[in-house]
Full PDB file with SEQRES, HELIX, SHEET, SSBOND, CRYST1, ORIGX, SCALE, CONECT and MASTER records, all heavy atoms in Angstrom:
SEQRES   1 A   30  ALA THR ARG ALA VAL GLU ASN GLN TRP ALA GLY ILE VAL          
SEQRES   2 A   30  ILE TYR GLY CYS VAL ARG ASP VAL THR ILE LEU LYS THR          
SEQRES   3 A   30  LEU SER ILE GLY                                              
HELIX    1 AA1 THR A    2  GLU A    6  1                                   5    
HELIX    2 AA2 VAL A   21  LEU A   24  1                                   4    
CRYST1    1.000    1.000    1.000  90.00  90.00  90.00 P 1           1          
ORIGX1      1.000000  0.000000  0.000000        0.00000                         
ORIGX2      0.000000  1.000000  0.000000        0.00000                         
ORIGX3      0.000000  0.000000  1.000000        0.00000                         
SCALE1      1.000000  0.000000  0.000000        0.00000                         
SCALE2      0.000000  1.000000  0.000000        0.00000                         
SCALE3      0.000000  0.000000  1.000000        0.00000                         
ATOM      1  N   ALA A   1     118.534 102.564 122.455  1.00  0.00           N  
ATOM      2  CA  ALA A   1     118.666 103.824 121.719  1.00  0.00           C  
ATOM      3  C   ALA A   1     117.347 104.597 121.712  1.00  0.00           C  
ATOM      4  O   ALA A   1     117.337 105.828 121.858  1.00  0.00           O  
ATOM      5  CB  ALA A   1     119.141 103.556 120.295  1.00  0.00           C  
ATOM      6  N   THR A   2     116.229 103.907 121.572  1.00  0.00           N  
ATOM      7  CA  THR A   2     114.920 104.564 121.614  1.00  0.00           C  
ATOM      8  C   THR A   2     114.708 105.198 122.981  1.00  0.00           C  
ATOM      9  O   THR A   2     114.204 106.326 123.091  1.00  0.00           O  
ATOM     10  CB  THR A   2     113.797 103.560 121.290  1.00  0.00           C  
ATOM     11  OG1 THR A   2     113.994 103.068 119.965  1.00  0.00           O  
ATOM     12  CG2 THR A   2     112.427 104.196 121.403  1.00  0.00           C  
ATOM     13  N   ARG A   3     115.117 104.512 124.026  1.00  0.00           N  
ATOM     14  CA  ARG A   3     115.014 105.059 125.390  1.00  0.00           C  
ATOM     15  C   ARG A   3     115.883 106.310 125.524  1.00  0.00           C  
ATOM     16  O   ARG A   3     115.501 107.273 126.182  1.00  0.00           O  
ATOM     17  CB  ARG A   3     115.427 103.995 126.403  1.00  0.00           C  
ATOM     18  CG  ARG A   3     115.133 104.352 127.832  1.00  0.00           C  
ATOM     19  CD  ARG A   3     113.605 104.365 128.022  1.00  0.00           C  
ATOM     20  NE  ARG A   3     113.241 104.703 129.360  1.00  0.00           N  
ATOM     21  CZ  ARG A   3     113.051 103.840 130.342  1.00  0.00           C  
ATOM     22  NH1 ARG A   3     113.236 102.553 130.143  1.00  0.00           N  
ATOM     23  NH2 ARG A   3     112.673 104.261 131.525  1.00  0.00           N  
ATOM     24  N   ALA A   4     117.045 106.301 124.906  1.00  0.00           N  
ATOM     25  CA  ALA A   4     117.928 107.476 124.946  1.00  0.00           C  
ATOM     26  C   ALA A   4     117.262 108.683 124.285  1.00  0.00           C  
ATOM     27  O   ALA A   4     117.364 109.810 124.786  1.00  0.00           O  
ATOM     28  CB  ALA A   4     119.257 107.158 124.269  1.00  0.00           C  
ATOM     29  N   VAL A   5     116.586 108.460 123.156  1.00  0.00           N  
ATOM     30  CA  VAL A   5     115.865 109.543 122.485  1.00  0.00           C  
ATOM     31  C   VAL A   5     114.784 110.080 123.405  1.00  0.00           C  
ATOM     32  O   VAL A   5     114.646 111.303 123.590  1.00  0.00           O  
ATOM     33  CB  VAL A   5     115.257 109.067 121.146  1.00  0.00           C  
ATOM     34  CG1 VAL A   5     114.341 110.130 120.554  1.00  0.00           C  
ATOM     35  CG2 VAL A   5     116.351 108.690 120.163  1.00  0.00           C  
ATOM     36  N   GLU A   6     114.013 109.184 124.014  1.00  0.00           N  
ATOM     37  CA  GLU A   6     112.942 109.587 124.935  1.00  0.00           C  
ATOM     38  C   GLU A   6     113.498 110.393 126.105  1.00  0.00           C  
ATOM     39  O   GLU A   6     112.832 111.299 126.609  1.00  0.00           O  
ATOM     40  CB  GLU A   6     112.204 108.359 125.461  1.00  0.00           C  
ATOM     41  CG  GLU A   6     111.409 107.619 124.399  1.00  0.00           C  
ATOM     42  CD  GLU A   6     110.937 106.232 124.836  1.00  0.00           C  
ATOM     43  OE1 GLU A   6     111.319 105.778 125.942  1.00  0.00           O  
ATOM     44  OE2 GLU A   6     110.192 105.617 124.061  1.00  0.00           O  
ATOM     45  N   ASN A   7     114.714 110.090 126.526  1.00  0.00           N  
ATOM     46  CA  ASN A   7     115.330 110.768 127.667  1.00  0.00           C  
ATOM     47  C   ASN A   7     116.213 111.949 127.260  1.00  0.00           C  
ATOM     48  O   ASN A   7     116.970 112.463 128.067  1.00  0.00           O  
ATOM     49  CB  ASN A   7     116.121 109.766 128.511  1.00  0.00           C  
ATOM     50  CG  ASN A   7     115.192 108.833 129.259  1.00  0.00           C  
ATOM     51  OD1 ASN A   7     114.125 109.234 129.715  1.00  0.00           O  
ATOM     52  ND2 ASN A   7     115.583 107.587 129.380  1.00  0.00           N  
ATOM     53  N   GLN A   8     116.125 112.337 125.981  1.00  0.00           N  
ATOM     54  CA  GLN A   8     116.742 113.552 125.453  1.00  0.00           C  
ATOM     55  C   GLN A   8     118.270 113.553 125.485  1.00  0.00           C  
ATOM     56  O   GLN A   8     118.900 114.568 125.759  1.00  0.00           O  
ATOM     57  CB  GLN A   8     116.174 114.784 126.155  1.00  0.00           C  
ATOM     58  CG  GLN A   8     114.685 114.911 125.957  1.00  0.00           C  
ATOM     59  CD  GLN A   8     114.091 116.119 126.644  1.00  0.00           C  
ATOM     60  OE1 GLN A   8     114.683 116.719 127.538  1.00  0.00           O  
ATOM     61  NE2 GLN A   8     112.902 116.484 126.208  1.00  0.00           N  
ATOM     62  N   TRP A   9     118.869 112.429 125.159  1.00  0.00           N  
ATOM     63  CA  TRP A   9     120.309 112.382 124.925  1.00  0.00           C  
ATOM     64  C   TRP A   9     120.564 112.912 123.526  1.00  0.00           C  
ATOM     65  O   TRP A   9     119.789 112.649 122.601  1.00  0.00           O  
ATOM     66  CB  TRP A   9     120.825 110.946 125.060  1.00  0.00           C  
ATOM     67  CG  TRP A   9     120.866 110.504 126.481  1.00  0.00           C  
ATOM     68  CD1 TRP A   9     119.836 109.985 127.209  1.00  0.00           C  
ATOM     69  CD2 TRP A   9     121.985 110.571 127.365  1.00  0.00           C  
ATOM     70  NE1 TRP A   9     120.246 109.730 128.496  1.00  0.00           N  
ATOM     71  CE2 TRP A   9     121.570 110.072 128.624  1.00  0.00           C  
ATOM     72  CE3 TRP A   9     123.297 111.003 127.223  1.00  0.00           C  
ATOM     73  CZ2 TRP A   9     122.414 110.000 129.719  1.00  0.00           C  
ATOM     74  CZ3 TRP A   9     124.148 110.925 128.311  1.00  0.00           C  
ATOM     75  CH2 TRP A   9     123.708 110.437 129.542  1.00  0.00           C  
ATOM     76  N   ALA A  10     121.656 113.640 123.332  1.00  0.00           N  
ATOM     77  CA  ALA A  10     121.996 114.168 122.011  1.00  0.00           C  
ATOM     78  C   ALA A  10     122.721 113.129 121.170  1.00  0.00           C  
ATOM     79  O   ALA A  10     122.592 113.113 119.947  1.00  0.00           O  
ATOM     80  CB  ALA A  10     122.871 115.412 122.135  1.00  0.00           C  
ATOM     81  N   GLY A  11     123.501 112.259 121.824  1.00  0.00           N  
ATOM     82  CA  GLY A  11     124.261 111.294 121.055  1.00  0.00           C  
ATOM     83  C   GLY A  11     124.890 110.214 121.899  1.00  0.00           C  
ATOM     84  O   GLY A  11     124.923 110.291 123.136  1.00  0.00           O  
ATOM     85  N   ILE A  12     125.376 109.195 121.198  1.00  0.00           N  
ATOM     86  CA  ILE A  12     126.047 108.052 121.805  1.00  0.00           C  
ATOM     87  C   ILE A  12     127.206 107.683 120.893  1.00  0.00           C  
ATOM     88  O   ILE A  12     127.012 107.519 119.686  1.00  0.00           O  
ATOM     89  CB  ILE A  12     125.094 106.842 121.927  1.00  0.00           C  
ATOM     90  CG1 ILE A  12     123.803 107.216 122.650  1.00  0.00           C  
ATOM     91  CG2 ILE A  12     125.798 105.666 122.608  1.00  0.00           C  
ATOM     92  CD1 ILE A  12     122.656 106.240 122.414  1.00  0.00           C  
ATOM     93  N   VAL A  13     128.398 107.560 121.464  1.00  0.00           N  
ATOM     94  CA  VAL A  13     129.570 107.120 120.711  1.00  0.00           C  
ATOM     95  C   VAL A  13     130.087 105.864 121.401  1.00  0.00           C  
ATOM     96  O   VAL A  13     130.413 105.893 122.589  1.00  0.00           O  
ATOM     97  CB  VAL A  13     130.665 108.204 120.663  1.00  0.00           C  
ATOM     98  CG1 VAL A  13     131.895 107.685 119.932  1.00  0.00           C  
ATOM     99  CG2 VAL A  13     130.135 109.475 119.997  1.00  0.00           C  
ATOM    100  N   ILE A  14     130.107 104.754 120.666  1.00  0.00           N  
ATOM    101  CA  ILE A  14     130.479 103.455 121.218  1.00  0.00           C  
ATOM    102  C   ILE A  14     131.769 102.969 120.574  1.00  0.00           C  
ATOM    103  O   ILE A  14     131.815 102.770 119.356  1.00  0.00           O  
ATOM    104  CB  ILE A  14     129.373 102.404 120.937  1.00  0.00           C  
ATOM    105  CG1 ILE A  14     128.026 102.872 121.449  1.00  0.00           C  
ATOM    106  CG2 ILE A  14     129.778 101.043 121.475  1.00  0.00           C  
ATOM    107  CD1 ILE A  14     127.587 102.368 122.770  1.00  0.00           C  
ATOM    108  N   TYR A  15     132.797 102.770 121.390  1.00  0.00           N  
ATOM    109  CA  TYR A  15     134.023 102.142 120.897  1.00  0.00           C  
ATOM    110  C   TYR A  15     133.798 100.634 120.991  1.00  0.00           C  
ATOM    111  O   TYR A  15     134.294  99.941 121.860  1.00  0.00           O  
ATOM    112  CB  TYR A  15     135.230 102.600 121.716  1.00  0.00           C  
ATOM    113  CG  TYR A  15     136.546 102.156 121.127  1.00  0.00           C  
ATOM    114  CD1 TYR A  15     136.921 102.543 119.847  1.00  0.00           C  
ATOM    115  CD2 TYR A  15     137.402 101.347 121.845  1.00  0.00           C  
ATOM    116  CE1 TYR A  15     138.119 102.128 119.295  1.00  0.00           C  
ATOM    117  CE2 TYR A  15     138.613 100.932 121.311  1.00  0.00           C  
ATOM    118  CZ  TYR A  15     138.963 101.324 120.037  1.00  0.00           C  
ATOM    119  OH  TYR A  15     140.154 100.910 119.498  1.00  0.00           O  
ATOM    120  N   GLY A  16     132.950 100.179 120.078  1.00  0.00           N  
ATOM    121  CA  GLY A  16     132.469  98.810 120.012  1.00  0.00           C  
ATOM    122  C   GLY A  16     131.379  98.757 118.953  1.00  0.00           C  
ATOM    123  O   GLY A  16     131.296  99.643 118.093  1.00  0.00           O  
ATOM    124  N   CYS A  17     130.510  97.774 119.038  1.00  0.00           N  
ATOM    125  CA  CYS A  17     129.502  97.540 118.000  1.00  0.00           C  
ATOM    126  C   CYS A  17     128.106  97.974 118.424  1.00  0.00           C  
ATOM    127  O   CYS A  17     127.798  98.065 119.607  1.00  0.00           O  
ATOM    128  CB  CYS A  17     129.463  96.056 117.647  1.00  0.00           C  
ATOM    129  SG  CYS A  17     131.006  95.416 116.994  1.00  0.00           S  
ATOM    130  N   VAL A  18     127.261  98.170 117.408  1.00  0.00           N  
ATOM    131  CA  VAL A  18     125.834  98.441 117.589  1.00  0.00           C  
ATOM    132  C   VAL A  18     125.069  97.425 116.747  1.00  0.00           C  
ATOM    133  O   VAL A  18     125.645  96.725 115.915  1.00  0.00           O  
ATOM    134  CB  VAL A  18     125.470  99.881 117.162  1.00  0.00           C  
ATOM    135  CG1 VAL A  18     126.258 100.894 117.976  1.00  0.00           C  
ATOM    136  CG2 VAL A  18     125.685 100.104 115.675  1.00  0.00           C  
ATOM    137  N   ARG A  19     123.761  97.350 116.970  1.00  0.00           N  
ATOM    138  CA  ARG A  19     122.931  96.459 116.158  1.00  0.00           C  
ATOM    139  C   ARG A  19     121.586  97.117 115.892  1.00  0.00           C  
ATOM    140  O   ARG A  19     121.332  98.211 116.363  1.00  0.00           O  
ATOM    141  CB  ARG A  19     122.756  95.096 116.829  1.00  0.00           C  
ATOM    142  CG  ARG A  19     121.986  95.127 118.115  1.00  0.00           C  
ATOM    143  CD  ARG A  19     122.027  93.771 118.787  1.00  0.00           C  
ATOM    144  NE  ARG A  19     120.736  93.483 119.418  1.00  0.00           N  
ATOM    145  CZ  ARG A  19     120.245  92.292 119.610  1.00  0.00           C  
ATOM    146  NH1 ARG A  19     120.913  91.232 119.211  1.00  0.00           N  
ATOM    147  NH2 ARG A  19     119.089  92.121 120.200  1.00  0.00           N  
ATOM    148  N   ASP A  20     120.730  96.451 115.142  1.00  0.00           N  
ATOM    149  CA  ASP A  20     119.421  96.993 114.744  1.00  0.00           C  
ATOM    150  C   ASP A  20     119.599  98.280 113.938  1.00  0.00           C  
ATOM    151  O   ASP A  20     118.870  99.248 114.106  1.00  0.00           O  
ATOM    152  CB  ASP A  20     118.530  97.254 115.965  1.00  0.00           C  
ATOM    153  CG  ASP A  20     118.328  96.024 116.820  1.00  0.00           C  
ATOM    154  OD1 ASP A  20     118.001  94.961 116.257  1.00  0.00           O  
ATOM    155  OD2 ASP A  20     118.503  96.113 118.060  1.00  0.00           O  
ATOM    156  N   VAL A  21     120.565  98.275 113.026  1.00  0.00           N  
ATOM    157  CA  VAL A  21     120.952  99.505 112.337  1.00  0.00           C  
ATOM    158  C   VAL A  21     119.849 100.088 111.454  1.00  0.00           C  
ATOM    159  O   VAL A  21     119.801 101.308 111.275  1.00  0.00           O  
ATOM    160  CB  VAL A  21     122.263  99.321 111.540  1.00  0.00           C  
ATOM    161  CG1 VAL A  21     123.415  99.004 112.486  1.00  0.00           C  
ATOM    162  CG2 VAL A  21     122.148  98.255 110.471  1.00  0.00           C  
ATOM    163  N   THR A  22     118.966  99.269 110.944  1.00  0.00           N  
ATOM    164  CA  THR A  22     117.862  99.804 110.129  1.00  0.00           C  
ATOM    165  C   THR A  22     116.977 100.709 110.968  1.00  0.00           C  
ATOM    166  O   THR A  22     116.550 101.769 110.507  1.00  0.00           O  
ATOM    167  CB  THR A  22     117.038  98.646 109.517  1.00  0.00           C  
ATOM    168  OG1 THR A  22     117.908  97.831 108.735  1.00  0.00           O  
ATOM    169  CG2 THR A  22     115.911  99.176 108.651  1.00  0.00           C  
ATOM    170  N   ILE A  23     116.747 100.326 112.207  1.00  0.00           N  
ATOM    171  CA  ILE A  23     115.934 101.154 113.111  1.00  0.00           C  
ATOM    172  C   ILE A  23     116.751 102.326 113.640  1.00  0.00           C  
ATOM    173  O   ILE A  23     116.242 103.448 113.741  1.00  0.00           O  
ATOM    174  CB  ILE A  23     115.349 100.305 114.251  1.00  0.00           C  
ATOM    175  CG1 ILE A  23     114.407  99.250 113.668  1.00  0.00           C  
ATOM    176  CG2 ILE A  23     114.622 101.178 115.268  1.00  0.00           C  
ATOM    177  CD1 ILE A  23     113.944  98.203 114.645  1.00  0.00           C  
ATOM    178  N   LEU A  24     118.015 102.113 113.988  1.00  0.00           N  
ATOM    179  CA  LEU A  24     118.840 103.196 114.541  1.00  0.00           C  
ATOM    180  C   LEU A  24     118.871 104.410 113.623  1.00  0.00           C  
ATOM    181  O   LEU A  24     118.796 105.548 114.088  1.00  0.00           O  
ATOM    182  CB  LEU A  24     120.272 102.720 114.802  1.00  0.00           C  
ATOM    183  CG  LEU A  24     120.486 101.664 115.875  1.00  0.00           C  
ATOM    184  CD1 LEU A  24     121.972 101.381 116.042  1.00  0.00           C  
ATOM    185  CD2 LEU A  24     119.845 102.039 117.196  1.00  0.00           C  
ATOM    186  N   LYS A  25     118.937 104.181 112.316  1.00  0.00           N  
ATOM    187  CA  LYS A  25     119.035 105.323 111.403  1.00  0.00           C  
ATOM    188  C   LYS A  25     117.743 106.129 111.311  1.00  0.00           C  
ATOM    189  O   LYS A  25     117.740 107.219 110.763  1.00  0.00           O  
ATOM    190  CB  LYS A  25     119.524 104.889 110.022  1.00  0.00           C  
ATOM    191  CG  LYS A  25     118.597 104.013 109.252  1.00  0.00           C  
ATOM    192  CD  LYS A  25     119.254 103.612 107.927  1.00  0.00           C  
ATOM    193  CE  LYS A  25     118.420 102.587 107.206  1.00  0.00           C  
ATOM    194  NZ  LYS A  25     119.079 102.113 105.994  1.00  0.00           N  
ATOM    195  N   THR A  26     116.646 105.608 111.870  1.00  0.00           N  
ATOM    196  CA  THR A  26     115.383 106.354 111.880  1.00  0.00           C  
ATOM    197  C   THR A  26     115.224 107.190 113.153  1.00  0.00           C  
ATOM    198  O   THR A  26     114.283 107.976 113.249  1.00  0.00           O  
ATOM    199  CB  THR A  26     114.166 105.410 111.773  1.00  0.00           C  
ATOM    200  OG1 THR A  26     114.047 104.643 112.977  1.00  0.00           O  
ATOM    201  CG2 THR A  26     114.280 104.496 110.567  1.00  0.00           C  
ATOM    202  N   LEU A  27     116.111 107.019 114.115  1.00  0.00           N  
ATOM    203  CA  LEU A  27     115.980 107.709 115.406  1.00  0.00           C  
ATOM    204  C   LEU A  27     116.641 109.083 115.373  1.00  0.00           C  
ATOM    205  O   LEU A  27     117.706 109.260 114.781  1.00  0.00           O  
ATOM    206  CB  LEU A  27     116.600 106.857 116.517  1.00  0.00           C  
ATOM    207  CG  LEU A  27     115.985 105.471 116.716  1.00  0.00           C  
ATOM    208  CD1 LEU A  27     116.736 104.711 117.806  1.00  0.00           C  
ATOM    209  CD2 LEU A  27     114.503 105.574 117.051  1.00  0.00           C  
ATOM    210  N   SER A  28     116.039 110.012 116.055  1.00  0.00           N  
ATOM    211  CA  SER A  28     116.526 111.387 116.089  1.00  0.00           C  
ATOM    212  C   SER A  28     117.604 111.551 117.172  1.00  0.00           C  
ATOM    213  O   SER A  28     117.400 112.202 118.198  1.00  0.00           O  
ATOM    214  CB  SER A  28     115.363 112.340 116.345  1.00  0.00           C  
ATOM    215  OG  SER A  28     115.821 113.667 116.313  1.00  0.00           O  
ATOM    216  N   ILE A  29     118.734 110.912 116.930  1.00  0.00           N  
ATOM    217  CA  ILE A  29     119.864 110.959 117.845  1.00  0.00           C  
ATOM    218  C   ILE A  29     121.123 110.616 117.058  1.00  0.00           C  
ATOM    219  O   ILE A  29     121.068 109.877 116.077  1.00  0.00           O  
ATOM    220  CB  ILE A  29     119.662 109.962 119.016  1.00  0.00           C  
ATOM    221  CG1 ILE A  29     120.748 110.130 120.094  1.00  0.00           C  
ATOM    222  CG2 ILE A  29     119.568 108.528 118.523  1.00  0.00           C  
ATOM    223  CD1 ILE A  29     120.475 109.337 121.377  1.00  0.00           C  
ATOM    224  N   GLY A  30     122.246 111.165 117.485  1.00  0.00           N  
ATOM    225  CA  GLY A  30     123.518 110.795 116.891  1.00  0.00           C  
ATOM    226  C   GLY A  30     124.019 109.505 117.516  1.00  0.00           C  
ATOM    227  O   GLY A  30     124.050 109.386 118.741  1.00  0.00           O  
TER     228      GLY A  30                                                      
MASTER        0    0    0    2    0    0    0    6  227    1    0    3          
END                                                                             
């Protein structure tokens, strides 16, 4: 997800699970 922010993605929608949620909520990406 951090790499996605660096590469200027606006968002990610996963029909599945994510992890590291404490860090994910600090990232400037949907």
